Amino acid sequence: MADVTIREISADDAGEVLTLQRAAFVQEARIYNTPSLPALTQTLQSLESELRENLGFVAHLGPRMVGAVRAQRDGELLLIGRLVIAPDVQGRGIGSRLLAAVERRGADAGASVAELFTGSLSEANLRLYLREGYRESQRVPGDDGVEQVFLRKPLNGRSGER
């Protein structure tokens, strides 16, 4: 989508990001048969705090926010979280563009490996991450029988192995 603009995220974006996050995660809640996913229960105050020092980005289609991604650097790792795309514009490359932007910013900040995770039932997420060069590094079983799938990708040509 050529008319999508991407810019750095800020704490001032918290209200729109939270609305977008809730819209996007309703689909995940259906997959996992629970309304209590952290992305759906996060408060505006906690999101504002999280965005004060964040390496993430937002995507706009005209004046409308249609995507967001958050990231923090932890040593050599760029921890990517909550990639969300408005349900009506999913599958149009916005997620890939947001991932590329946050990976560049993380590498510029000194990270050598990007890491993210998703649930094992989130097939569309897993397809996107694998297509974008992420490789599974670990699976952590949950109490509900669902696994958290951690994926890594080297930045600047470095290894993403543990």
Protein backbone atom coordinates (compact mmCIF):
# COMPACT_ATOMS: atom_id res chain seq x y z
CA MET A 1 0.00 0.00 0.00
CA ALA A 2 1.95 2.96 -1.32
CA ASP A 3 -0.28 5.52 0.42
CA VAL A 4 0.55 4.17 3.90
CA THR A 5 2.93 6.35 5.90
CA ILE A 6 5.06 5.01 8.73
CA ARG A 7 6.48 7.09 11.56
CA GLU A 8 7.97 6.56 15.01
CA ILE A 9 5.53 5.78 17.81
CA SER A 10 5.11 8.13 20.77
CA ALA A 11 3.24 8.23 24.08
CA ASP A 12 0.78 10.63 22.41
CA ASP A 13 -0.33 7.72 20.20
CA ALA A 14 -1.46 5.59 23.16
CA GLY A 15 -5.22 6.10 22.76
CA GLU A 16 -5.27 5.22 19.06
CA VAL A 17 -2.82 2.35 19.53
CA LEU A 18 -4.95 0.88 22.32
CA THR A 19 -8.10 1.06 20.16
CA LEU A 20 -6.27 -0.55 17.24
CA GLN A 21 -4.73 -3.19 19.50
CA ARG A 22 -8.12 -4.19 20.87
CA ALA A 23 -9.65 -4.43 17.40
CA ALA A 24 -6.78 -6.58 16.15
CA PHE A 25 -6.63 -8.87 19.18
CA VAL A 26 -10.33 -9.72 19.13
CA GLN A 27 -9.45 -12.21 16.38
CA GLU A 28 -6.73 -13.71 18.58
CA ALA A 29 -9.17 -13.96 21.50
CA ARG A 30 -11.48 -16.03 19.28
CA ILE A 31 -8.62 -18.34 18.25
CA TYR A 32 -7.62 -18.91 21.88
CA ASN A 33 -11.19 -18.86 23.23
CA THR A 34 -10.44 -16.27 25.90
CA PRO A 35 -11.32 -12.59 26.31
CA SER A 36 -8.53 -12.02 28.83
CA LEU A 37 -5.48 -11.75 26.58
CA PRO A 38 -3.03 -9.14 27.94
CA ALA A 39 -3.45 -7.06 24.78
CA LEU A 40 -7.17 -6.80 25.50
CA THR A 41 -6.83 -5.99 29.18
CA GLN A 42 -3.96 -3.50 29.00
CA THR A 43 -4.83 -0.08 30.40
CA LEU A 44 -4.29 3.25 28.71
CA GLN A 45 -2.02 4.33 31.55
CA SER A 46 0.26 1.29 31.21
CA LEU A 47 0.41 1.75 27.43
CA GLU A 48 1.30 5.43 27.77
CA SER A 49 4.11 4.47 30.13
CA GLU A 50 5.33 1.74 27.76
CA LEU A 51 5.43 4.13 24.80
CA ARG A 52 7.56 6.77 26.54
CA GLU A 53 10.74 4.90 25.65
CA ASN A 54 9.89 2.67 22.73
CA LEU A 55 11.52 1.95 19.38
CA GLY A 56 8.22 1.17 17.67
CA PHE A 57 6.32 2.64 14.75
CA VAL A 58 2.78 3.37 13.65
CA ALA A 59 1.29 3.19 10.17
CA HIS A 60 -1.34 5.59 8.84
CA LEU A 61 -3.60 5.34 5.83
CA GLY A 62 -4.49 8.99 5.41
CA PRO A 63 -5.41 10.25 8.87
CA ARG A 64 -6.35 6.78 10.16
CA MET A 65 -3.91 4.69 12.19
CA VAL A 66 -3.97 1.20 10.68
CA GLY A 67 -0.94 -0.45 12.24
CA ALA A 68 1.51 -0.34 15.11
CA VAL A 69 4.49 -2.25 16.44
CA ARG A 70 6.43 -1.84 19.64
CA ALA A 71 10.02 -2.72 20.48
CA GLN A 72 12.60 -2.34 23.21
CA ARG A 73 16.30 -3.05 23.18
CA ASP A 74 17.62 -5.46 25.81
CA GLY A 75 21.36 -5.84 25.30
CA GLU A 76 21.89 -7.40 21.91
CA LEU A 77 18.18 -8.25 21.57
CA LEU A 78 15.49 -6.14 19.98
CA LEU A 79 12.33 -7.37 21.68
CA ILE A 80 9.45 -6.81 19.27
CA GLY A 81 5.90 -6.91 20.56
CA ARG A 82 2.30 -6.25 19.70
CA LEU A 83 2.45 -5.95 15.94
CA VAL A 84 -1.16 -4.98 15.24
CA ILE A 85 -2.92 -4.25 11.96
CA ALA A 86 -6.50 -3.06 11.56
CA PRO A 87 -8.55 -6.13 10.60
CA ASP A 88 -9.92 -4.55 7.40
CA VAL A 89 -6.43 -3.87 5.96
CA GLN A 90 -4.62 -7.04 6.99
CA GLY A 91 -2.77 -8.90 4.24
CA ARG A 92 -1.69 -5.74 2.38
CA GLY A 93 1.96 -5.62 3.46
CA ILE A 94 1.60 -3.15 6.33
CA GLY A 95 2.90 -5.63 8.90
CA SER A 96 5.95 -6.38 6.77
CA ARG A 97 6.71 -2.67 6.41
CA LEU A 98 6.36 -2.09 10.15
CA LEU A 99 8.65 -5.04 10.92
CA ALA A 100 11.29 -3.76 8.48
CA ALA A 101 11.16 -0.27 10.00
CA VAL A 102 11.49 -1.50 13.58
CA GLU A 103 14.29 -3.92 12.64
CA ARG A 104 16.27 -1.05 11.04
CA ARG A 105 15.72 1.15 14.07
CA GLY A 106 16.76 -1.65 16.41
CA ALA A 107 19.93 -2.33 14.44
CA ASP A 108 20.73 1.39 14.46
CA ALA A 109 20.29 1.33 18.26
CA GLY A 110 22.83 -1.49 18.54
CA ALA A 111 20.71 -4.64 18.59
CA SER A 112 22.05 -7.61 16.64
CA VAL A 113 19.08 -9.98 16.95
CA ALA A 114 15.33 -9.37 16.78
CA GLU A 115 13.07 -11.58 18.87
CA LEU A 116 9.30 -11.86 19.03
CA PHE A 117 6.73 -14.41 20.05
CA THR A 118 3.22 -15.52 19.25
CA GLY A 119 0.91 -18.31 20.26
CA SER A 120 1.18 -21.65 18.51
CA LEU A 121 -2.40 -21.35 17.21
CA SER A 122 -1.73 -18.00 15.49
CA GLU A 123 -1.05 -19.46 12.06
CA ALA A 124 -1.23 -16.17 10.13
CA ASN A 125 1.29 -14.58 12.51
CA LEU A 126 3.65 -17.52 12.19
CA ARG A 127 3.43 -17.41 8.38
CA LEU A 128 4.24 -13.68 8.37
CA TYR A 129 7.22 -14.03 10.69
CA LEU A 130 8.67 -17.01 8.80
CA ARG A 131 8.20 -15.18 5.48
CA GLU A 132 10.06 -12.18 6.93
CA GLY A 133 13.10 -14.29 7.86
CA TYR A 134 12.36 -15.18 11.48
CA ARG A 135 13.19 -18.70 12.65
CA GLU A 136 11.75 -20.55 15.59
CA SER A 137 14.14 -20.56 18.55
CA GLN A 138 12.01 -21.94 21.37
CA ARG A 139 8.55 -23.19 22.35
CA VAL A 140 7.29 -22.68 25.87
CA PRO A 141 4.28 -24.76 26.93
CA GLY A 142 1.43 -22.96 28.66
CA ASP A 143 -0.93 -24.25 31.31
CA ASP A 144 -3.74 -24.24 28.74
CA GLY A 145 -1.91 -26.56 26.32
CA VAL A 146 -1.02 -23.72 23.97
CA GLU A 147 2.65 -23.03 23.34
CA GLN A 148 4.32 -19.64 23.07
CA VAL A 149 6.50 -19.73 19.95
CA PHE A 150 9.62 -17.55 20.14
CA LEU A 151 11.24 -16.56 16.86
CA ARG A 152 14.51 -14.78 16.11
CA LYS A 153 16.09 -13.00 13.19
CA PRO A 154 19.65 -11.72 12.92
CA LEU A 155 20.02 -7.99 12.26
CA ASN A 156 23.00 -6.73 10.24
CA GLY A 157 23.85 -10.29 9.18
CA ARG A 158 24.57 -11.58 12.72
CA SER A 159 23.46 -14.92 14.07
CA GLY A 160 20.11 -15.28 15.82
CA GLU A 161 20.92 -18.58 17.53
CA ARG A 162 20.91 -18.96 21.32
